[in-house]
Amino acid sequence: MDTQQASTLSTPTPDTITPDASTPPAAPTPSNTTSNGGTSTANAGTDTNGAGAPTRRWLNENVTPALLEGMKLLAKEKPSDPLKVLGQFLIDKSNESK
């Protein structure tokens, strides 16, 4: 093969590969799978039927702040048992709010 012909060849990338009929469809990923096992076609962060909005709002108000604070602690301290440390942090945080 001469150098001119070699320079026109390129390695296929995922965006240039077209699946043929024998290629099975991609498995659902956590980002496109719904809680009932179906695949979501909605854009990320958009709930088409609005049913998740109250739950998301409740989680954002009551859980997310403490969870983020605990995760910052983990990132700073890097404990050998991060789940135990996070769990104890959340228990302590819960006791503070009582």
PDB file of N, CA and C in Angstrom:
ATOM      1  N   MET A   1       0.859  -1.164   0.000  1.00  0.00           N
ATOM      2  CA  MET A   1       0.000   0.000   0.000  1.00  0.00           C
ATOM      3  C   MET A   1       0.900   1.220   0.000  1.00  0.00           C
ATOM      4  N   ASP A   2       0.635   2.187  -0.885  1.00  0.00           N
ATOM      5  CA  ASP A   2       1.474   3.371  -0.922  1.00  0.00           C
ATOM      6  C   ASP A   2       1.048   4.367   0.160  1.00  0.00           C
ATOM      7  N   THR A   3       1.875   5.385   0.417  1.00  0.00           N
ATOM      8  CA  THR A   3       1.602   6.321   1.516  1.00  0.00           C
ATOM      9  C   THR A   3       0.359   7.160   1.260  1.00  0.00           C
ATOM     10  N   GLN A   4       0.051   7.474  -0.008  1.00  0.00           N
ATOM     11  CA  GLN A   4      -1.151   8.254  -0.288  1.00  0.00           C
ATOM     12  C   GLN A   4      -2.397   7.448   0.060  1.00  0.00           C
ATOM     13  N   GLN A   5      -2.423   6.177  -0.293  1.00  0.00           N
ATOM     14  CA  GLN A   5      -3.573   5.324   0.007  1.00  0.00           C
ATOM     15  C   GLN A   5      -3.686   5.109   1.520  1.00  0.00           C
ATOM     16  N   ALA A   6      -2.567   4.941   2.215  1.00  0.00           N
ATOM     17  CA  ALA A   6      -2.581   4.726   3.658  1.00  0.00           C
ATOM     18  C   ALA A   6      -3.104   5.957   4.385  1.00  0.00           C
ATOM     19  N   SER A   7      -2.788   7.145   3.875  1.00  0.00           N
ATOM     20  CA  SER A   7      -3.229   8.353   4.571  1.00  0.00           C
ATOM     21  C   SER A   7      -4.733   8.579   4.441  1.00  0.00           C
ATOM     22  N   THR A   8      -5.380   7.967   3.451  1.00  0.00           N
ATOM     23  CA  THR A   8      -6.820   8.141   3.300  1.00  0.00           C
ATOM     24  C   THR A   8      -7.608   7.147   4.131  1.00  0.00           C
ATOM     25  N   LEU A   9      -6.936   6.118   4.660  1.00  0.00           N
ATOM     26  CA  LEU A   9      -7.613   5.162   5.528  1.00  0.00           C
ATOM     27  C   LEU A   9      -7.681   5.735   6.932  1.00  0.00           C
ATOM     28  N   SER A  10      -8.776   5.513   7.600  1.00  0.00           N
ATOM     29  CA  SER A  10      -8.882   5.999   8.971  1.00  0.00           C
ATOM     30  C   SER A  10      -9.471   4.898   9.840  1.00  0.00           C
ATOM     31  N   THR A  11      -9.186   4.995  11.100  1.00  0.00           N
ATOM     32  CA  THR A  11      -9.722   4.041  12.061  1.00  0.00           C
ATOM     33  C   THR A  11     -11.151   4.443  12.385  1.00  0.00           C
ATOM     34  N   PRO A  12     -12.085   3.495  12.317  1.00  0.00           N
ATOM     35  CA  PRO A  12     -13.471   3.849  12.628  1.00  0.00           C
ATOM     36  C   PRO A  12     -13.604   4.262  14.087  1.00  0.00           C
ATOM     37  N   THR A  13     -14.444   5.234  14.336  1.00  0.00           N
ATOM     38  CA  THR A  13     -14.745   5.683  15.690  1.00  0.00           C
ATOM     39  C   THR A  13     -16.187   5.315  15.985  1.00  0.00           C
ATOM     40  N   PRO A  14     -16.596   5.317  17.264  1.00  0.00           N
ATOM     41  CA  PRO A  14     -17.973   4.929  17.593  1.00  0.00           C
ATOM     42  C   PRO A  14     -19.033   5.723  16.840  1.00  0.00           C
ATOM     43  N   ASP A  15     -18.765   6.995  16.541  1.00  0.00           N
ATOM     44  CA  ASP A  15     -19.766   7.791  15.847  1.00  0.00           C
ATOM     45  C   ASP A  15     -19.786   7.540  14.343  1.00  0.00           C
ATOM     46  N   THR A  16     -18.766   6.829  13.827  1.00  0.00           N
ATOM     47  CA  THR A  16     -18.755   6.536  12.395  1.00  0.00           C
ATOM     48  C   THR A  16     -19.143   5.103  12.094  1.00  0.00           C
ATOM     49  N   ILE A  17     -19.294   4.278  13.113  1.00  0.00           N
ATOM     50  CA  ILE A  17     -19.661   2.881  12.918  1.00  0.00           C
ATOM     51  C   ILE A  17     -21.175   2.775  12.858  1.00  0.00           C
ATOM     52  N   THR A  18     -21.684   2.152  11.818  1.00  0.00           N
ATOM     53  CA  THR A  18     -23.121   1.954  11.667  1.00  0.00           C
ATOM     54  C   THR A  18     -23.434   0.499  11.966  1.00  0.00           C
ATOM     55  N   PRO A  19     -24.312   0.231  12.964  1.00  0.00           N
ATOM     56  CA  PRO A  19     -24.623  -1.159  13.276  1.00  0.00           C
ATOM     57  C   PRO A  19     -25.405  -1.800  12.132  1.00  0.00           C
ATOM     58  N   ASP A  20     -25.135  -3.081  11.889  1.00  0.00           N
ATOM     59  CA  ASP A  20     -25.898  -3.792  10.873  1.00  0.00           C
ATOM     60  C   ASP A  20     -27.017  -4.573  11.555  1.00  0.00           C
ATOM     61  N   ALA A  21     -27.808  -5.263  10.801  1.00  0.00           N
ATOM     62  CA  ALA A  21     -28.972  -5.973  11.336  1.00  0.00           C
ATOM     63  C   ALA A  21     -28.581  -7.046  12.341  1.00  0.00           C
ATOM     64  N   SER A  22     -27.345  -7.562  12.268  1.00  0.00           N
ATOM     65  CA  SER A  22     -26.930  -8.618  13.181  1.00  0.00           C
ATOM     66  C   SER A  22     -26.433  -8.063  14.516  1.00  0.00           C
ATOM     67  N   THR A  23     -26.276  -6.739  14.619  1.00  0.00           N
ATOM     68  CA  THR A  23     -25.805  -6.132  15.861  1.00  0.00           C
ATOM     69  C   THR A  23     -26.975  -5.948  16.813  1.00  0.00           C
ATOM     70  N   PRO A  24     -26.873  -6.534  18.026  1.00  0.00           N
ATOM     71  CA  PRO A  24     -27.978  -6.367  18.981  1.00  0.00           C
ATOM     72  C   PRO A  24     -28.027  -4.928  19.476  1.00  0.00           C
ATOM     73  N   PRO A  25     -29.199  -4.459  19.883  1.00  0.00           N
ATOM     74  CA  PRO A  25     -29.295  -3.093  20.401  1.00  0.00           C
ATOM     75  C   PRO A  25     -28.501  -2.952  21.686  1.00  0.00           C
ATOM     76  N   ALA A  26     -28.069  -1.748  21.967  1.00  0.00           N
ATOM     77  CA  ALA A  26     -27.291  -1.489  23.175  1.00  0.00           C
ATOM     78  C   ALA A  26     -28.140  -1.747  24.406  1.00  0.00           C
ATOM     79  N   ALA A  27     -27.493  -2.252  25.434  1.00  0.00           N
ATOM     80  CA  ALA A  27     -28.196  -2.500  26.697  1.00  0.00           C
ATOM     81  C   ALA A  27     -28.543  -1.175  27.347  1.00  0.00           C
ATOM     82  N   PRO A  28     -29.664  -1.116  28.045  1.00  0.00           N
ATOM     83  CA  PRO A  28     -30.016   0.126  28.735  1.00  0.00           C
ATOM     84  C   PRO A  28     -28.975   0.471  29.780  1.00  0.00           C
ATOM     85  N   THR A  29     -28.702   1.745  29.959  1.00  0.00           N
ATOM     86  CA  THR A  29     -27.780   2.218  30.978  1.00  0.00           C
ATOM     87  C   THR A  29     -28.584   2.861  32.088  1.00  0.00           C
ATOM     88  N   PRO A  30     -27.981   3.055  33.262  1.00  0.00           N
ATOM     89  CA  PRO A  30     -28.737   3.687  34.350  1.00  0.00           C
ATOM     90  C   PRO A  30     -29.313   5.036  33.964  1.00  0.00           C
ATOM     91  N   SER A  31     -28.662   5.750  33.052  1.00  0.00           N
ATOM     92  CA  SER A  31     -29.153   7.080  32.692  1.00  0.00           C
ATOM     93  C   SER A  31     -30.360   7.040  31.762  1.00  0.00           C
ATOM     94  N   ASN A  32     -30.622   5.896  31.111  1.00  0.00           N
ATOM     95  CA  ASN A  32     -31.780   5.846  30.218  1.00  0.00           C
ATOM     96  C   ASN A  32     -32.765   4.750  30.595  1.00  0.00           C
ATOM     97  N   THR A  33     -32.656   4.240  31.821  1.00  0.00           N
ATOM     98  CA  THR A  33     -33.555   3.194  32.279  1.00  0.00           C
ATOM     99  C   THR A  33     -34.500   3.762  33.328  1.00  0.00           C
ATOM    100  N   THR A  34     -35.787   3.454  33.197  1.00  0.00           N
ATOM    101  CA  THR A  34     -36.761   3.931  34.166  1.00  0.00           C
ATOM    102  C   THR A  34     -36.847   2.964  35.331  1.00  0.00           C
ATOM    103  N   SER A  35     -37.511   3.357  36.405  1.00  0.00           N
ATOM    104  CA  SER A  35     -37.588   2.516  37.594  1.00  0.00           C
ATOM    105  C   SER A  35     -38.341   1.218  37.351  1.00  0.00           C
ATOM    106  N   ASN A  36     -39.189   1.175  36.331  1.00  0.00           N
ATOM    107  CA  ASN A  36     -39.920  -0.063  36.055  1.00  0.00           C
ATOM    108  C   ASN A  36     -39.219  -0.912  35.004  1.00  0.00           C
ATOM    109  N   GLY A  37     -37.967  -0.569  34.677  1.00  0.00           N
ATOM    110  CA  GLY A  37     -37.186  -1.372  33.748  1.00  0.00           C
ATOM    111  C   GLY A  37     -37.294  -0.953  32.303  1.00  0.00           C
ATOM    112  N   GLY A  38     -38.180  -0.026  31.983  1.00  0.00           N
ATOM    113  CA  GLY A  38     -38.317   0.457  30.612  1.00  0.00           C
ATOM    114  C   GLY A  38     -37.221   1.451  30.289  1.00  0.00           C
ATOM    115  N   THR A  39     -37.133   1.837  29.049  1.00  0.00           N
ATOM    116  CA  THR A  39     -36.130   2.797  28.639  1.00  0.00           C
ATOM    117  C   THR A  39     -36.786   4.150  28.455  1.00  0.00           C
ATOM    118  N   SER A  40     -36.191   5.146  29.055  1.00  0.00           N
ATOM    119  CA  SER A  40     -36.722   6.499  28.990  1.00  0.00           C
ATOM    120  C   SER A  40     -36.297   7.167  27.699  1.00  0.00           C
ATOM    121  N   THR A  41     -37.215   7.879  27.077  1.00  0.00           N
ATOM    122  CA  THR A  41     -36.866   8.664  25.897  1.00  0.00           C
ATOM    123  C   THR A  41     -36.867  10.139  26.220  1.00  0.00           C
ATOM    124  N   ALA A  42     -37.188  10.478  27.456  1.00  0.00           N
ATOM    125  CA  ALA A  42     -37.226  11.881  27.865  1.00  0.00           C
ATOM    126  C   ALA A  42     -35.815  12.414  28.007  1.00  0.00           C
ATOM    127  N   ASN A  43     -35.665  13.712  27.864  1.00  0.00           N
ATOM    128  CA  ASN A  43     -34.377  14.349  28.069  1.00  0.00           C
ATOM    129  C   ASN A  43     -34.004  14.241  29.534  1.00  0.00           C
ATOM    130  N   ALA A  44     -32.708  14.226  29.815  1.00  0.00           N
ATOM    131  CA  ALA A  44     -32.254  14.136  31.196  1.00  0.00           C
ATOM    132  C   ALA A  44     -32.801  15.303  31.994  1.00  0.00           C
ATOM    133  N   GLY A  45     -33.302  15.017  33.186  1.00  0.00           N
ATOM    134  CA  GLY A  45     -33.821  16.060  34.038  1.00  0.00           C
ATOM    135  C   GLY A  45     -35.234  16.474  33.710  1.00  0.00           C
ATOM    136  N   THR A  46     -35.848  15.874  32.711  1.00  0.00           N
ATOM    137  CA  THR A  46     -37.209  16.219  32.331  1.00  0.00           C
ATOM    138  C   THR A  46     -38.109  15.052  32.628  1.00  0.00           C
ATOM    139  N   ASP A  47     -39.177  15.293  33.351  1.00  0.00           N
ATOM    140  CA  ASP A  47     -40.133  14.245  33.668  1.00  0.00           C
ATOM    141  C   ASP A  47     -41.368  14.504  32.832  1.00  0.00           C
ATOM    142  N   THR A  48     -41.673  13.602  31.896  1.00  0.00           N
ATOM    143  CA  THR A  48     -42.744  13.845  30.946  1.00  0.00           C
ATOM    144  C   THR A  48     -44.123  13.844  31.569  1.00  0.00           C
ATOM    145  N   ASN A  49     -44.322  13.094  32.658  1.00  0.00           N
ATOM    146  CA  ASN A  49     -45.648  13.066  33.252  1.00  0.00           C
ATOM    147  C   ASN A  49     -45.734  13.858  34.552  1.00  0.00           C
ATOM    148  N   GLY A  50     -44.638  14.430  35.010  1.00  0.00           N
ATOM    149  CA  GLY A  50     -44.647  15.261  36.195  1.00  0.00           C
ATOM    150  C   GLY A  50     -44.737  14.505  37.507  1.00  0.00           C
ATOM    151  N   ALA A  51     -44.851  13.186  37.472  1.00  0.00           N
ATOM    152  CA  ALA A  51     -45.025  12.411  38.696  1.00  0.00           C
ATOM    153  C   ALA A  51     -43.787  12.437  39.574  1.00  0.00           C
ATOM    154  N   GLY A  52     -42.612  12.614  39.011  1.00  0.00           N
ATOM    155  CA  GLY A  52     -41.386  12.597  39.805  1.00  0.00           C
ATOM    156  C   GLY A  52     -41.049  13.929  40.434  1.00  0.00           C
ATOM    157  N   ALA A  53     -41.690  15.004  40.024  1.00  0.00           N
ATOM    158  CA  ALA A  53     -41.339  16.328  40.522  1.00  0.00           C
ATOM    159  C   ALA A  53     -41.477  16.460  42.035  1.00  0.00           C
ATOM    160  N   PRO A  54     -42.580  16.040  42.647  1.00  0.00           N
ATOM    161  CA  PRO A  54     -42.676  16.169  44.105  1.00  0.00           C
ATOM    162  C   PRO A  54     -41.606  15.358  44.835  1.00  0.00           C
ATOM    163  N   THR A  55     -41.306  14.184  44.347  1.00  0.00           N
ATOM    164  CA  THR A  55     -40.279  13.348  44.966  1.00  0.00           C
ATOM    165  C   THR A  55     -38.916  13.994  44.838  1.00  0.00           C
ATOM    166  N   ARG A  56     -38.609  14.481  43.643  1.00  0.00           N
ATOM    167  CA  ARG A  56     -37.327  15.131  43.401  1.00  0.00           C
ATOM    168  C   ARG A  56     -37.191  16.368  44.286  1.00  0.00           C
ATOM    169  N   ARG A  57     -38.250  17.142  44.397  1.00  0.00           N
ATOM    170  CA  ARG A  57     -38.228  18.346  45.223  1.00  0.00           C
ATOM    171  C   ARG A  57     -37.993  17.971  46.703  1.00  0.00           C
ATOM    172  N   TRP A  58     -38.694  16.937  47.179  1.00  0.00           N
ATOM    173  CA  TRP A  58     -38.539  16.497  48.564  1.00  0.00           C
ATOM    174  C   TRP A  58     -37.104  16.036  48.827  1.00  0.00           C
ATOM    175  N   LEU A  59     -36.554  15.241  47.903  1.00  0.00           N
ATOM    176  CA  LEU A  59     -35.175  14.777  48.058  1.00  0.00           C
ATOM    177  C   LEU A  59     -34.203  15.957  48.064  1.00  0.00           C
ATOM    178  N   ASN A  60     -34.409  16.905  47.159  1.00  0.00           N
ATOM    179  CA  ASN A  60     -33.522  18.068  47.089  1.00  0.00           C
ATOM    180  C   ASN A  60     -33.578  18.909  48.350  1.00  0.00           C
ATOM    181  N   GLU A  61     -34.737  18.967  48.994  1.00  0.00           N
ATOM    182  CA  GLU A  61     -34.886  19.772  50.201  1.00  0.00           C
ATOM    183  C   GLU A  61     -34.417  19.039  51.459  1.00  0.00           C
ATOM    184  N   ASN A  62     -34.645  17.733  51.532  1.00  0.00           N
ATOM    185  CA  ASN A  62     -34.438  17.003  52.773  1.00  0.00           C
ATOM    186  C   ASN A  62     -33.231  16.073  52.818  1.00  0.00           C
ATOM    187  N   VAL A  63     -32.744  15.641  51.687  1.00  0.00           N
ATOM    188  CA  VAL A  63     -31.677  14.642  51.673  1.00  0.00           C
ATOM    189  C   VAL A  63     -30.394  15.173  51.026  1.00  0.00           C
ATOM    190  N   THR A  64     -30.527  15.803  49.899  1.00  0.00           N
ATOM    191  CA  THR A  64     -29.360  16.207  49.111  1.00  0.00           C
ATOM    192  C   THR A  64     -28.361  17.070  49.883  1.00  0.00           C
ATOM    193  N   PRO A  65     -28.785  18.084  50.640  1.00  0.00           N
ATOM    194  CA  PRO A  65     -27.785  18.909  51.340  1.00  0.00           C
ATOM    195  C   PRO A  65     -26.896  18.087  52.279  1.00  0.00           C
ATOM    196  N   ALA A  66     -27.498  17.210  53.074  1.00  0.00           N
ATOM    197  CA  ALA A  66     -26.708  16.388  54.003  1.00  0.00           C
ATOM    198  C   ALA A  66     -25.844  15.387  53.242  1.00  0.00           C
ATOM    199  N   LEU A  67     -26.383  14.816  52.180  1.00  0.00           N
ATOM    200  CA  LEU A  67     -25.626  13.841  51.394  1.00  0.00           C
ATOM    201  C   LEU A  67     -24.409  14.495  50.745  1.00  0.00           C
ATOM    202  N   LEU A  68     -24.589  15.683  50.189  1.00  0.00           N
ATOM    203  CA  LEU A  68     -23.458  16.391  49.583  1.00  0.00           C
ATOM    204  C   LEU A  68     -22.404  16.763  50.628  1.00  0.00           C
ATOM    205  N   GLU A  69     -22.861  17.194  51.787  1.00  0.00           N
ATOM    206  CA  GLU A  69     -21.925  17.529  52.859  1.00  0.00           C
ATOM    207  C   GLU A  69     -21.120  16.290  53.274  1.00  0.00           C
ATOM    208  N   GLY A  70     -21.801  15.159  53.396  1.00  0.00           N
ATOM    209  CA  GLY A  70     -21.119  13.917  53.741  1.00  0.00           C
ATOM    210  C   GLY A  70     -20.151  13.470  52.664  1.00  0.00           C
ATOM    211  N   MET A  71     -20.519  13.656  51.413  1.00  0.00           N
ATOM    212  CA  MET A  71     -19.629  13.259  50.320  1.00  0.00           C
ATOM    213  C   MET A  71     -18.402  14.164  50.254  1.00  0.00           C
ATOM    214  N   LYS A  72     -18.560  15.438  50.599  1.00  0.00           N
ATOM    215  CA  LYS A  72     -17.402  16.340  50.669  1.00  0.00           C
ATOM    216  C   LYS A  72     -16.449  15.871  51.756  1.00  0.00           C
ATOM    217  N   LEU A  73     -17.019  15.448  52.893  1.00  0.00           N
ATOM    218  CA  LEU A  73     -16.208  14.910  53.990  1.00  0.00           C
ATOM    219  C   LEU A  73     -15.410  13.695  53.518  1.00  0.00           C
ATOM    220  N   LEU A  74     -16.081  12.805  52.772  1.00  0.00           N
ATOM    221  CA  LEU A  74     -15.400  11.614  52.249  1.00  0.00           C
ATOM    222  C   LEU A  74     -14.254  11.996  51.321  1.00  0.00           C
ATOM    223  N   ALA A  75     -14.505  12.953  50.437  1.00  0.00           N
ATOM    224  CA  ALA A  75     -13.479  13.364  49.483  1.00  0.00           C
ATOM    225  C   ALA A  75     -12.274  13.977  50.200  1.00  0.00           C
ATOM    226  N   LYS A  76     -12.548  14.699  51.280  1.00  0.00           N
ATOM    227  CA  LYS A  76     -11.477  15.348  52.029  1.00  0.00           C
ATOM    228  C   LYS A  76     -10.676  14.338  52.850  1.00  0.00           C
ATOM    229  N   GLU A  77     -11.381  13.449  53.545  1.00  0.00           N
ATOM    230  CA  GLU A  77     -10.712  12.528  54.471  1.00  0.00           C
ATOM    231  C   GLU A  77     -10.288  11.200  53.848  1.00  0.00           C
ATOM    232  N   LYS A  78     -10.970  10.762  52.796  1.00  0.00           N
ATOM    233  CA  LYS A  78     -10.691   9.494  52.122  1.00  0.00           C
ATOM    234  C   LYS A  78     -10.538   8.333  53.122  1.00  0.00           C
ATOM    235  N   PRO A  79     -11.594   8.066  53.897  1.00  0.00           N
ATOM    236  CA  PRO A  79     -11.504   6.988  54.896  1.00  0.00           C
ATOM    237  C   PRO A  79     -11.420   5.614  54.243  1.00  0.00           C
ATOM    238  N   SER A  80     -10.915   4.643  54.995  1.00  0.00           N
ATOM    239  CA  SER A  80     -10.788   3.285  54.447  1.00  0.00           C
ATOM    240  C   SER A  80     -12.142   2.605  54.298  1.00  0.00           C
ATOM    241  N   ASP A  81     -13.138   3.028  55.074  1.00  0.00           N
ATOM    242  CA  ASP A  81     -14.483   2.456  54.980  1.00  0.00           C
ATOM    243  C   ASP A  81     -15.474   3.602  54.713  1.00  0.00           C
ATOM    244  N   PRO A  82     -15.510   4.111  53.484  1.00  0.00           N
ATOM    245  CA  PRO A  82     -16.301   5.310  53.192  1.00  0.00           C
ATOM    246  C   PRO A  82     -17.800   5.147  53.423  1.00  0.00           C
ATOM    247  N   LEU A  83     -18.351   3.974  53.166  1.00  0.00           N
ATOM    248  CA  LEU A  83     -19.789   3.803  53.373  1.00  0.00           C
ATOM    249  C   LEU A  83     -20.153   3.866  54.849  1.00  0.00           C
ATOM    250  N   LYS A  84     -19.309   3.290  55.686  1.00  0.00           N
ATOM    251  CA  LYS A  84     -19.554   3.336  57.130  1.00  0.00           C
ATOM    252  C   LYS A  84     -19.454   4.777  57.634  1.00  0.00           C
ATOM    253  N   VAL A  85     -18.447   5.497  57.169  1.00  0.00           N
ATOM    254  CA  VAL A  85     -18.264   6.891  57.584  1.00  0.00           C
ATOM    255  C   VAL A  85     -19.434   7.743  57.096  1.00  0.00           C
ATOM    256  N   LEU A  86     -19.844   7.555  55.848  1.00  0.00           N
ATOM    257  CA  LEU A  86     -20.980   8.316  55.320  1.00  0.00           C
ATOM    258  C   LEU A  86     -22.255   7.968  56.083  1.00  0.00           C
ATOM    259  N   GLY A  87     -22.464   6.695  56.350  1.00  0.00           N
ATOM    260  CA  GLY A  87     -23.643   6.274  57.097  1.00  0.00           C
ATOM    261  C   GLY A  87     -23.685   6.902  58.481  1.00  0.00           C
ATOM    262  N   GLN A  88     -22.559   6.887  59.177  1.00  0.00           N
ATOM    263  CA  GLN A  88     -22.511   7.485  60.516  1.00  0.00           C
ATOM    264  C   GLN A  88     -22.700   8.994  60.431  1.00  0.00           C
ATOM    265  N   PHE A  89     -22.129   9.620  59.413  1.00  0.00           N
ATOM    266  CA  PHE A  89     -22.309  11.056  59.218  1.00  0.00           C
ATOM    267  C   PHE A  89     -23.793  11.381  59.049  1.00  0.00           C
ATOM    268  N   LEU A  90     -24.485  10.611  58.234  1.00  0.00           N
ATOM    269  CA  LEU A  90     -25.912  10.855  57.996  1.00  0.00           C
ATOM    270  C   LEU A  90     -26.741  10.604  59.253  1.00  0.00           C
ATOM    271  N   ILE A  91     -26.380   9.590  60.025  1.00  0.00           N
ATOM    272  CA  ILE A  91     -27.084   9.335  61.296  1.00  0.00           C
ATOM    273  C   ILE A  91     -26.879  10.524  62.239  1.00  0.00           C
ATOM    274  N   ASP A  92     -25.626  10.986  62.343  1.00  0.00           N
ATOM    275  CA  ASP A  92     -25.340  12.131  63.207  1.00  0.00           C
ATOM    276  C   ASP A  92     -26.098  13.373  62.737  1.00  0.00           C
ATOM    277  N   LYS A  93     -26.135  13.582  61.430  1.00  0.00           N
ATOM    278  CA  LYS A  93     -26.848  14.738  60.858  1.00  0.00           C
ATOM    279  C   LYS A  93     -28.337  14.632  61.166  1.00  0.00           C
ATOM    280  N   SER A  94     -28.884  13.435  61.076  1.00  0.00           N
ATOM    281  CA  SER A  94     -30.291  13.212  61.369  1.00  0.00           C
ATOM    282  C   SER A  94     -30.602  13.530  62.828  1.00  0.00           C
ATOM    283  N   ASN A  95     -29.697  13.115  63.742  1.00  0.00           N
ATOM    284  CA  ASN A  95     -29.888  13.381  65.163  1.00  0.00           C
ATOM    285  C   ASN A  95     -29.823  14.873  65.478  1.00  0.00           C
ATOM    286  N   GLU A  96     -29.035  15.640  64.711  1.00  0.00           N
ATOM    287  CA  GLU A  96     -28.943  17.082  64.893  1.00  0.00           C
ATOM    288  C   GLU A  96     -30.272  17.764  64.587  1.00  0.00           C
ATOM    289  N   SER A  97     -30.991  17.235  63.612  1.00  0.00           N
ATOM    290  CA  SER A  97     -32.229  17.889  63.167  1.00  0.00           C
ATOM    291  C   SER A  97     -33.426  17.552  64.035  1.00  0.00           C
ATOM    292  N   LYS A  98     -33.255  16.656  65.008  1.00  0.00           N
ATOM    293  CA  LYS A  98     -34.383  16.263  65.882  1.00  0.00           C
ATOM    294  C   LYS A  98     -34.563  17.215  67.031  1.00  0.00           C
TER     295      LYS A  98
END
